[in-house]
PDB file of all heavy atoms in Angstrom:
ATOM      1  N   GLY A   1     172.623 197.597 148.982  1.00  0.00           N
ATOM      2  CA  GLY A   1     172.217 196.310 148.457  1.00  0.00           C
ATOM      3  C   GLY A   1     173.315 195.590 147.698  1.00  0.00           C
ATOM      4  O   GLY A   1     173.176 194.405 147.380  1.00  0.00           O
ATOM      5  N   GLY A   2     174.390 196.282 147.429  1.00  0.00           N
ATOM      6  CA  GLY A   2     175.497 195.708 146.697  1.00  0.00           C
ATOM      7  C   GLY A   2     176.437 194.907 147.573  1.00  0.00           C
ATOM      8  O   GLY A   2     176.212 194.746 148.774  1.00  0.00           O
ATOM      9  N   SER A   3     177.509 194.429 146.963  1.00  0.00           N
ATOM     10  CA  SER A   3     178.479 193.592 147.655  1.00  0.00           C
ATOM     11  C   SER A   3     179.892 194.103 147.447  1.00  0.00           C
ATOM     12  O   SER A   3     180.195 194.791 146.466  1.00  0.00           O
ATOM     13  CB  SER A   3     178.397 192.146 147.157  1.00  0.00           C
ATOM     14  OG  SER A   3     177.138 191.574 147.418  1.00  0.00           O
ATOM     15  N   LEU A   4     180.743 193.732 148.377  1.00  0.00           N
ATOM     16  CA  LEU A   4     182.143 194.106 148.318  1.00  0.00           C
ATOM     17  C   LEU A   4     182.932 193.052 149.077  1.00  0.00           C
ATOM     18  O   LEU A   4     182.445 192.506 150.072  1.00  0.00           O
ATOM     19  CB  LEU A   4     182.344 195.480 148.947  1.00  0.00           C
ATOM     20  CG  LEU A   4     183.495 196.371 148.478  1.00  0.00           C
ATOM     21  CD1 LEU A   4     183.379 196.660 146.983  1.00  0.00           C
ATOM     22  CD2 LEU A   4     183.479 197.676 149.264  1.00  0.00           C
ATOM     23  N   ARG A   5     184.131 192.768 148.622  1.00  0.00           N
ATOM     24  CA  ARG A   5     184.996 191.815 149.306  1.00  0.00           C
ATOM     25  C   ARG A   5     186.302 192.485 149.689  1.00  0.00           C
ATOM     26  O   ARG A   5     187.049 192.940 148.818  1.00  0.00           O
ATOM     27  CB  ARG A   5     185.293 190.605 148.428  1.00  0.00           C
ATOM     28  CG  ARG A   5     185.962 189.451 149.177  1.00  0.00           C
ATOM     29  CD  ARG A   5     186.479 188.390 148.234  1.00  0.00           C
ATOM     30  NE  ARG A   5     186.753 187.131 148.915  1.00  0.00           N
ATOM     31  CZ  ARG A   5     187.521 186.167 148.426  1.00  0.00           C
ATOM     32  NH1 ARG A   5     188.088 186.305 147.234  1.00  0.00           N
ATOM     33  NH2 ARG A   5     187.707 185.048 149.114  1.00  0.00           N
ATOM     34  N   LEU A   6     186.570 192.535 150.980  1.00  0.00           N
ATOM     35  CA  LEU A   6     187.803 193.102 151.478  1.00  0.00           C
ATOM     36  C   LEU A   6     188.836 192.011 151.677  1.00  0.00           C
ATOM     37  O   LEU A   6     188.507 190.887 152.041  1.00  0.00           O
ATOM     38  CB  LEU A   6     187.573 193.820 152.807  1.00  0.00           C
ATOM     39  CG  LEU A   6     186.501 194.909 152.852  1.00  0.00           C
ATOM     40  CD1 LEU A   6     186.477 195.548 154.232  1.00  0.00           C
ATOM     41  CD2 LEU A   6     186.733 195.943 151.769  1.00  0.00           C
ATOM     42  N   SER A   7     190.087 192.358 151.447  1.00  0.00           N
ATOM     43  CA  SER A   7     191.192 191.437 151.667  1.00  0.00           C
ATOM     44  C   SER A   7     192.220 192.097 152.567  1.00  0.00           C
ATOM     45  O   SER A   7     192.398 193.312 152.537  1.00  0.00           O
ATOM     46  CB  SER A   7     191.859 191.055 150.341  1.00  0.00           C
ATOM     47  OG  SER A   7     190.963 190.386 149.485  1.00  0.00           O
ATOM     48  N   CYS A   8     192.884 191.290 153.358  1.00  0.00           N
ATOM     49  CA  CYS A   8     193.968 191.758 154.209  1.00  0.00           C
ATOM     50  C   CYS A   8     195.097 190.758 154.133  1.00  0.00           C
ATOM     51  O   CYS A   8     194.957 189.621 154.596  1.00  0.00           O
ATOM     52  CB  CYS A   8     193.494 191.931 155.653  1.00  0.00           C
ATOM     53  SG  CYS A   8     194.813 192.299 156.835  1.00  0.00           S
ATOM     54  N   ALA A   9     196.197 191.165 153.545  1.00  0.00           N
ATOM     55  CA  ALA A   9     197.371 190.313 153.426  1.00  0.00           C
ATOM     56  C   ALA A   9     198.345 190.634 154.551  1.00  0.00           C
ATOM     57  O   ALA A   9     198.647 191.799 154.806  1.00  0.00           O
ATOM     58  CB  ALA A   9     198.038 190.512 152.074  1.00  0.00           C
ATOM     59  N   ALA A  10     198.821 189.597 155.222  1.00  0.00           N
ATOM     60  CA  ALA A  10     199.718 189.758 156.357  1.00  0.00           C
ATOM     61  C   ALA A  10     201.152 189.420 155.973  1.00  0.00           C
ATOM     62  O   ALA A  10     201.407 188.455 155.249  1.00  0.00           O
ATOM     63  CB  ALA A  10     199.274 188.874 157.516  1.00  0.00           C
ATOM     64  N   PHE A  11     202.069 190.213 156.481  1.00  0.00           N
ATOM     65  CA  PHE A  11     203.483 190.006 156.219  1.00  0.00           C
ATOM     66  C   PHE A  11     204.257 190.053 157.526  1.00  0.00           C
ATOM     67  O   PHE A  11     203.966 190.870 158.400  1.00  0.00           O
ATOM     68  CB  PHE A  11     204.017 191.084 155.271  1.00  0.00           C
ATOM     69  CG  PHE A  11     203.299 191.160 153.963  1.00  0.00           C
ATOM     70  CD1 PHE A  11     202.178 191.954 153.818  1.00  0.00           C
ATOM     71  CD2 PHE A  11     203.742 190.427 152.880  1.00  0.00           C
ATOM     72  CE1 PHE A  11     201.504 192.024 152.616  1.00  0.00           C
ATOM     73  CE2 PHE A  11     203.074 190.489 151.669  1.00  0.00           C
ATOM     74  CZ  PHE A  11     201.957 191.284 151.539  1.00  0.00           C
ATOM     75  N   GLY A  12     205.229 189.186 157.665  1.00  0.00           N
ATOM     76  CA  GLY A  12     206.130 189.235 158.805  1.00  0.00           C
ATOM     77  C   GLY A  12     205.607 188.665 160.108  1.00  0.00           C
ATOM     78  O   GLY A  12     206.154 188.973 161.166  1.00  0.00           O
ATOM     79  N   LEU A  13     204.567 187.840 160.054  1.00  0.00           N
ATOM     80  CA  LEU A  13     204.056 187.207 161.258  1.00  0.00           C
ATOM     81  C   LEU A  13     203.601 185.779 160.962  1.00  0.00           C
ATOM     82  O   LEU A  13     203.267 185.458 159.822  1.00  0.00           O
ATOM     83  CB  LEU A  13     202.928 188.029 161.880  1.00  0.00           C
ATOM     84  CG  LEU A  13     201.693 188.360 161.044  1.00  0.00           C
ATOM     85  CD1 LEU A  13     200.724 187.190 161.003  1.00  0.00           C
ATOM     86  CD2 LEU A  13     200.995 189.587 161.611  1.00  0.00           C
ATOM     87  N   PRO A  14     203.575 184.926 161.998  1.00  0.00           N
ATOM     88  CA  PRO A  14     203.083 183.550 161.810  1.00  0.00           C
ATOM     89  C   PRO A  14     201.561 183.568 161.726  1.00  0.00           C
ATOM     90  O   PRO A  14     200.854 183.350 162.705  1.00  0.00           O
ATOM     91  CB  PRO A  14     203.591 182.820 163.049  1.00  0.00           C
ATOM     92  CG  PRO A  14     203.664 183.886 164.098  1.00  0.00           C
ATOM     93  CD  PRO A  14     204.084 185.132 163.369  1.00  0.00           C
ATOM     94  N   PHE A  15     201.080 183.822 160.552  1.00  0.00           N
ATOM     95  CA  PHE A  15     199.668 184.094 160.319  1.00  0.00           C
ATOM     96  C   PHE A  15     198.745 183.042 160.920  1.00  0.00           C
ATOM     97  O   PHE A  15     197.697 183.381 161.492  1.00  0.00           O
ATOM     98  CB  PHE A  15     199.425 184.213 158.810  1.00  0.00           C
ATOM     99  CG  PHE A  15     198.008 184.537 158.435  1.00  0.00           C
ATOM    100  CD1 PHE A  15     197.560 185.847 158.447  1.00  0.00           C
ATOM    101  CD2 PHE A  15     197.126 183.531 158.061  1.00  0.00           C
ATOM    102  CE1 PHE A  15     196.263 186.159 158.090  1.00  0.00           C
ATOM    103  CE2 PHE A  15     195.821 183.829 157.702  1.00  0.00           C
ATOM    104  CZ  PHE A  15     195.395 185.152 157.722  1.00  0.00           C
ATOM    105  N   ASN A  16     199.079 181.786 160.774  1.00  0.00           N
ATOM    106  CA  ASN A  16     198.203 180.713 161.215  1.00  0.00           C
ATOM    107  C   ASN A  16     198.005 180.671 162.724  1.00  0.00           C
ATOM    108  O   ASN A  16     197.103 179.978 163.208  1.00  0.00           O
ATOM    109  CB  ASN A  16     198.717 179.358 160.719  1.00  0.00           C
ATOM    110  CG  ASN A  16     200.082 179.019 161.261  1.00  0.00           C
ATOM    111  OD1 ASN A  16     200.984 179.856 161.272  1.00  0.00           O
ATOM    112  ND2 ASN A  16     200.252 177.779 161.703  1.00  0.00           N
ATOM    113  N   LEU A  17     198.817 181.393 163.483  1.00  0.00           N
ATOM    114  CA  LEU A  17     198.713 181.406 164.935  1.00  0.00           C
ATOM    115  C   LEU A  17     197.878 182.571 165.461  1.00  0.00           C
ATOM    116  O   LEU A  17     197.588 182.629 166.658  1.00  0.00           O
ATOM    117  CB  LEU A  17     200.103 181.456 165.572  1.00  0.00           C
ATOM    118  CG  LEU A  17     201.039 180.285 165.240  1.00  0.00           C
ATOM    119  CD1 LEU A  17     202.383 180.489 165.922  1.00  0.00           C
ATOM    120  CD2 LEU A  17     200.423 178.965 165.658  1.00  0.00           C
ATOM    121  N   TYR A  18     197.486 183.473 164.601  1.00  0.00           N
ATOM    122  CA  TYR A  18     196.780 184.673 165.015  1.00  0.00           C
ATOM    123  C   TYR A  18     195.281 184.573 164.803  1.00  0.00           C
ATOM    124  O   TYR A  18     194.809 183.971 163.836  1.00  0.00           O
ATOM    125  CB  TYR A  18     197.292 185.886 164.233  1.00  0.00           C
ATOM    126  CG  TYR A  18     198.581 186.468 164.777  1.00  0.00           C
ATOM    127  CD1 TYR A  18     199.793 185.842 164.551  1.00  0.00           C
ATOM    128  CD2 TYR A  18     198.564 187.655 165.507  1.00  0.00           C
ATOM    129  CE1 TYR A  18     200.970 186.374 165.051  1.00  0.00           C
ATOM    130  CE2 TYR A  18     199.734 188.192 166.007  1.00  0.00           C
ATOM    131  CZ  TYR A  18     200.932 187.550 165.772  1.00  0.00           C
ATOM    132  OH  TYR A  18     202.096 188.095 166.269  1.00  0.00           O
ATOM    133  N   ARG A  19     194.554 185.187 165.730  1.00  0.00           N
ATOM    134  CA  ARG A  19     193.149 185.439 165.501  1.00  0.00           C
ATOM    135  C   ARG A  19     193.069 186.687 164.629  1.00  0.00           C
ATOM    136  O   ARG A  19     193.635 187.728 164.973  1.00  0.00           O
ATOM    137  CB  ARG A  19     192.404 185.679 166.817  1.00  0.00           C
ATOM    138  CG  ARG A  19     190.930 186.056 166.633  1.00  0.00           C
ATOM    139  CD  ARG A  19     190.255 186.316 167.969  1.00  0.00           C
ATOM    140  NE  ARG A  19     190.220 185.115 168.781  1.00  0.00           N
ATOM    141  CZ  ARG A  19     189.277 184.181 168.700  1.00  0.00           C
ATOM    142  NH1 ARG A  19     188.269 184.319 167.845  1.00  0.00           N
ATOM    143  NH2 ARG A  19     189.334 183.111 169.477  1.00  0.00           N
ATOM    144  N   MET A  20     192.393 186.586 163.519  1.00  0.00           N
ATOM    145  CA  MET A  20     192.263 187.701 162.598  1.00  0.00           C
ATOM    146  C   MET A  20     190.885 188.324 162.725  1.00  0.00           C
ATOM    147  O   MET A  20     189.904 187.646 163.040  1.00  0.00           O
ATOM    148  CB  MET A  20     192.493 187.244 161.160  1.00  0.00           C
ATOM    149  CG  MET A  20     193.846 186.580 160.922  1.00  0.00           C
ATOM    150  SD  MET A  20     195.240 187.679 161.305  1.00  0.00           S
ATOM    151  CE  MET A  20     194.955 189.023 160.146  1.00  0.00           C
ATOM    152  N   GLY A  21     190.829 189.608 162.467  1.00  0.00           N
ATOM    153  CA  GLY A  21     189.546 190.270 162.587  1.00  0.00           C
ATOM    154  C   GLY A  21     189.429 191.507 161.727  1.00  0.00           C
ATOM    155  O   GLY A  21     190.423 192.028 161.208  1.00  0.00           O
ATOM    156  N   TRP A  22     188.196 191.937 161.585  1.00  0.00           N
ATOM    157  CA  TRP A  22     187.889 193.183 160.907  1.00  0.00           C
ATOM    158  C   TRP A  22     187.149 194.092 161.871  1.00  0.00           C
ATOM    159  O   TRP A  22     186.211 193.660 162.543  1.00  0.00           O
ATOM    160  CB  TRP A  22     187.027 192.953 159.668  1.00  0.00           C
ATOM    161  CG  TRP A  22     187.759 192.309 158.533  1.00  0.00           C
ATOM    162  CD1 TRP A  22     187.800 190.991 158.208  1.00  0.00           C
ATOM    163  CD2 TRP A  22     188.563 192.986 157.554  1.00  0.00           C
ATOM    164  NE1 TRP A  22     188.571 190.789 157.103  1.00  0.00           N
ATOM    165  CE2 TRP A  22     189.054 192.000 156.676  1.00  0.00           C
ATOM    166  CE3 TRP A  22     188.907 194.320 157.339  1.00  0.00           C
ATOM    167  CZ2 TRP A  22     189.882 192.312 155.592  1.00  0.00           C
ATOM    168  CZ3 TRP A  22     189.726 194.625 156.267  1.00  0.00           C
ATOM    169  CH2 TRP A  22     190.200 193.628 155.413  1.00  0.00           C
ATOM    170  N   TYR A  23     187.579 195.328 161.933  1.00  0.00           N
ATOM    171  CA  TYR A  23     186.927 196.361 162.707  1.00  0.00           C
ATOM    172  C   TYR A  23     186.581 197.508 161.770  1.00  0.00           C
ATOM    173  O   TYR A  23     187.119 197.605 160.670  1.00  0.00           O
ATOM    174  CB  TYR A  23     187.845 196.874 163.822  1.00  0.00           C
ATOM    175  CG  TYR A  23     188.108 195.877 164.927  1.00  0.00           C
ATOM    176  CD1 TYR A  23     188.891 194.747 164.712  1.00  0.00           C
ATOM    177  CD2 TYR A  23     187.576 196.075 166.203  1.00  0.00           C
ATOM    178  CE1 TYR A  23     189.134 193.836 165.723  1.00  0.00           C
ATOM    179  CE2 TYR A  23     187.818 195.170 167.224  1.00  0.00           C
ATOM    180  CZ  TYR A  23     188.597 194.056 166.978  1.00  0.00           C
ATOM    181  OH  TYR A  23     188.841 193.155 167.983  1.00  0.00           O
ATOM    182  N   ARG A  24     185.692 198.377 162.207  1.00  0.00           N
ATOM    183  CA  ARG A  24     185.360 199.528 161.387  1.00  0.00           C
ATOM    184  C   ARG A  24     185.113 200.747 162.259  1.00  0.00           C
ATOM    185  O   ARG A  24     184.744 200.640 163.421  1.00  0.00           O
ATOM    186  CB  ARG A  24     184.140 199.248 160.506  1.00  0.00           C
ATOM    187  CG  ARG A  24     182.828 199.074 161.265  1.00  0.00           C
ATOM    188  CD  ARG A  24     181.722 198.638 160.310  1.00  0.00           C
ATOM    189  NE  ARG A  24     180.443 198.510 160.994  1.00  0.00           N
ATOM    190  CZ  ARG A  24     179.346 198.021 160.440  1.00  0.00           C
ATOM    191  NH1 ARG A  24     179.374 197.620 159.164  1.00  0.00           N
ATOM    192  NH2 ARG A  24     178.214 197.943 161.126  1.00  0.00           N
ATOM    193  N   GLN A  25     185.312 201.895 161.662  1.00  0.00           N
ATOM    194  CA  GLN A  25     185.082 203.148 162.359  1.00  0.00           C
ATOM    195  C   GLN A  25     184.418 204.136 161.411  1.00  0.00           C
ATOM    196  O   GLN A  25     185.000 204.518 160.396  1.00  0.00           O
ATOM    197  CB  GLN A  25     186.385 203.730 162.906  1.00  0.00           C
ATOM    198  CG  GLN A  25     186.190 204.943 163.782  1.00  0.00           C
ATOM    199  CD  GLN A  25     187.430 205.282 164.590  1.00  0.00           C
ATOM    200  OE1 GLN A  25     188.545 204.931 164.216  1.00  0.00           O
ATOM    201  NE2 GLN A  25     187.236 205.953 165.709  1.00  0.00           N
ATOM    202  N   ALA A  26     183.204 204.515 161.756  1.00  0.00           N
ATOM    203  CA  ALA A  26     182.464 205.495 160.984  1.00  0.00           C
ATOM    204  C   ALA A  26     182.748 206.886 161.529  1.00  0.00           C
ATOM    205  O   ALA A  26     183.155 207.038 162.688  1.00  0.00           O
ATOM    206  CB  ALA A  26     180.970 205.190 161.043  1.00  0.00           C
ATOM    207  N   PRO A  27     182.536 207.925 160.728  1.00  0.00           N
ATOM    208  CA  PRO A  27     182.775 209.295 161.196  1.00  0.00           C
ATOM    209  C   PRO A  27     182.003 209.595 162.476  1.00  0.00           C
ATOM    210  O   PRO A  27     180.799 209.355 162.559  1.00  0.00           O
ATOM    211  CB  PRO A  27     182.274 210.151 160.036  1.00  0.00           C
ATOM    212  CG  PRO A  27     182.444 209.280 158.834  1.00  0.00           C
ATOM    213  CD  PRO A  27     182.103 207.895 159.320  1.00  0.00           C
ATOM    214  N   GLY A  28     182.701 210.094 163.476  1.00  0.00           N
ATOM    215  CA  GLY A  28     182.073 210.441 164.734  1.00  0.00           C
ATOM    216  C   GLY A  28     181.712 209.269 165.617  1.00  0.00           C
ATOM    217  O   GLY A  28     181.074 209.464 166.662  1.00  0.00           O
ATOM    218  N   LYS A  29     182.108 208.069 165.226  1.00  0.00           N
ATOM    219  CA  LYS A  29     181.783 206.875 165.989  1.00  0.00           C
ATOM    220  C   LYS A  29     183.045 206.182 166.488  1.00  0.00           C
ATOM    221  O   LYS A  29     184.134 206.394 165.963  1.00  0.00           O
ATOM    222  CB  LYS A  29     180.980 205.892 165.134  1.00  0.00           C
ATOM    223  CG  LYS A  29     179.666 206.427 164.606  1.00  0.00           C
ATOM    224  CD  LYS A  29     178.663 206.625 165.715  1.00  0.00           C
ATOM    225  CE  LYS A  29     177.308 207.034 165.161  1.00  0.00           C
ATOM    226  NZ  LYS A  29     176.305 207.209 166.240  1.00  0.00           N
ATOM    227  N   GLN A  30     182.884 205.361 167.515  1.00  0.00           N
ATOM    228  CA  GLN A  30     183.993 204.587 168.029  1.00  0.00           C
ATOM    229  C   GLN A  30     184.280 203.405 167.110  1.00  0.00           C
ATOM    230  O   GLN A  30     183.402 202.947 166.371  1.00  0.00           O
ATOM    231  CB  GLN A  30     183.683 204.089 169.445  1.00  0.00           C
ATOM    232  CG  GLN A  30     182.530 203.100 169.515  1.00  0.00           C
ATOM    233  CD  GLN A  30     182.117 202.780 170.929  1.00  0.00           C
ATOM    234  OE1 GLN A  30     181.648 203.661 171.652  1.00  0.00           O
ATOM    235  NE2 GLN A  30     182.295 201.526 171.333  1.00  0.00           N
ATOM    236  N   ARG A  31     185.502 202.912 167.165  1.00  0.00           N
ATOM    237  CA  ARG A  31     185.838 201.738 166.390  1.00  0.00           C
ATOM    238  C   ARG A  31     185.116 200.525 166.978  1.00  0.00           C
ATOM    239  O   ARG A  31     185.095 200.338 168.197  1.00  0.00           O
ATOM    240  CB  ARG A  31     187.349 201.507 166.397  1.00  0.00           C
ATOM    241  CG  ARG A  31     187.802 200.382 165.483  1.00  0.00           C
ATOM    242  CD  ARG A  31     189.331 200.304 165.398  1.00  0.00           C
ATOM    243  NE  ARG A  31     189.897 201.497 164.805  1.00  0.00           N
ATOM    244  CZ  ARG A  31     191.181 201.637 164.496  1.00  0.00           C
ATOM    245  NH1 ARG A  31     192.035 200.646 164.714  1.00  0.00           N
ATOM    246  NH2 ARG A  31     191.617 202.766 163.970  1.00  0.00           N
ATOM    247  N   GLU A  32     184.526 199.722 166.121  1.00  0.00           N
ATOM    248  CA  GLU A  32     183.766 198.577 166.573  1.00  0.00           C
ATOM    249  C   GLU A  32     184.199 197.307 165.863  1.00  0.00           C
ATOM    250  O   GLU A  32     184.639 197.337 164.710  1.00  0.00           O
ATOM    251  CB  GLU A  32     182.263 198.793 166.360  1.00  0.00           C
ATOM    252  CG  GLU A  32     181.848 198.912 164.897  1.00  0.00           C
ATOM    253  CD  GLU A  32     180.348 199.036 164.712  1.00  0.00           C
ATOM    254  OE1 GLU A  32     179.599 198.850 165.690  1.00  0.00           O
ATOM    255  OE2 GLU A  32     179.919 199.324 163.575  1.00  0.00           O
ATOM    256  N   LEU A  33     184.050 196.203 166.557  1.00  0.00           N
ATOM    257  CA  LEU A  33     184.349 194.905 165.980  1.00  0.00           C
ATOM    258  C   LEU A  33     183.286 194.539 164.960  1.00  0.00           C
ATOM    259  O   LEU A  33     182.093 194.702 165.201  1.00  0.00           O
ATOM    260  CB  LEU A  33     184.428 193.843 167.072  1.00  0.00           C
ATOM    261  CG  LEU A  33     184.821 192.427 166.635  1.00  0.00           C
ATOM    262  CD1 LEU A  33     185.620 191.742 167.736  1.00  0.00           C
ATOM    263  CD2 LEU A  33     183.587 191.595 166.311  1.00  0.00           C
ATOM    264  N   VAL A  34     183.731 194.035 163.824  1.00  0.00           N
ATOM    265  CA  VAL A  34     182.826 193.559 162.791  1.00  0.00           C
ATOM    266  C   VAL A  34     182.769 192.036 162.808  1.00  0.00           C
ATOM    267  O   VAL A  34     181.699 191.439 162.872  1.00  0.00           O
ATOM    268  CB  VAL A  34     183.244 194.056 161.400  1.00  0.00           C
ATOM    269  CG1 VAL A  34     182.334 193.475 160.317  1.00  0.00           C
ATOM    270  CG2 VAL A  34     183.223 195.576 161.352  1.00  0.00           C
ATOM    271  N   ALA A  35     183.937 191.409 162.740  1.00  0.00           N
ATOM    272  CA  ALA A  35     184.005 189.954 162.715  1.00  0.00           C
ATOM    273  C   ALA A  35     185.408 189.497 163.059  1.00  0.00           C
ATOM    274  O   ALA A  35     186.380 190.211 162.815  1.00  0.00           O
ATOM    275  CB  ALA A  35     183.607 189.410 161.338  1.00  0.00           C
ATOM    276  N   THR A  36     185.510 188.304 163.631  1.00  0.00           N
ATOM    277  CA  THR A  36     186.805 187.684 163.894  1.00  0.00           C
ATOM    278  C   THR A  36     186.776 186.239 163.451  1.00  0.00           C
ATOM    279  O   THR A  36     185.705 185.621 163.344  1.00  0.00           O
ATOM    280  CB  THR A  36     187.198 187.732 165.383  1.00  0.00           C
ATOM    281  OG1 THR A  36     186.257 186.987 166.162  1.00  0.00           O
ATOM    282  CG2 THR A  36     187.262 189.163 165.886  1.00  0.00           C
ATOM    283  N   ILE A  37     187.951 185.706 163.201  1.00  0.00           N
ATOM    284  CA  ILE A  37     188.080 184.290 162.869  1.00  0.00           C
ATOM    285  C   ILE A  37     189.358 183.770 163.507  1.00  0.00           C
ATOM    286  O   ILE A  37     190.430 184.342 163.349  1.00  0.00           O
ATOM    287  CB  ILE A  37     188.063 184.067 161.336  1.00  0.00           C
ATOM    288  CG1 ILE A  37     188.145 182.567 161.021  1.00  0.00           C
ATOM    289  CG2 ILE A  37     189.181 184.851 160.648  1.00  0.00           C
ATOM    290  CD1 ILE A  37     187.807 182.250 159.573  1.00  0.00           C
ATOM    291  N   SER A  38     189.237 182.686 164.256  1.00  0.00           N
ATOM    292  CA  SER A  38     190.371 182.121 164.961  1.00  0.00           C
ATOM    293  C   SER A  38     191.199 181.237 164.049  1.00  0.00           C
ATOM    294  O   SER A  38     190.835 180.970 162.901  1.00  0.00           O
ATOM    295  CB  SER A  38     189.888 181.313 166.169  1.00  0.00           C
ATOM    296  OG  SER A  38     189.319 180.087 165.762  1.00  0.00           O
ATOM    297  N   SER A  39     192.312 180.758 164.584  1.00  0.00           N
ATOM    298  CA  SER A  39     193.167 179.858 163.822  1.00  0.00           C
ATOM    299  C   SER A  39     192.473 178.538 163.518  1.00  0.00           C
ATOM    300  O   SER A  39     192.856 177.842 162.577  1.00  0.00           O
ATOM    301  CB  SER A  39     194.473 179.598 164.579  1.00  0.00           C
ATOM    302  OG  SER A  39     194.222 178.992 165.839  1.00  0.00           O
TER     303      SER A  39
END
């Protein structure tokens, strides 16, 4: 029921040109897409 805010800082790339996303992997599970955001 709580909240958390994740941050991802990018270095060495033209950030504004990339589609950014978050994926997650739980124990024993495959990595899955959580969310993406385009330029």
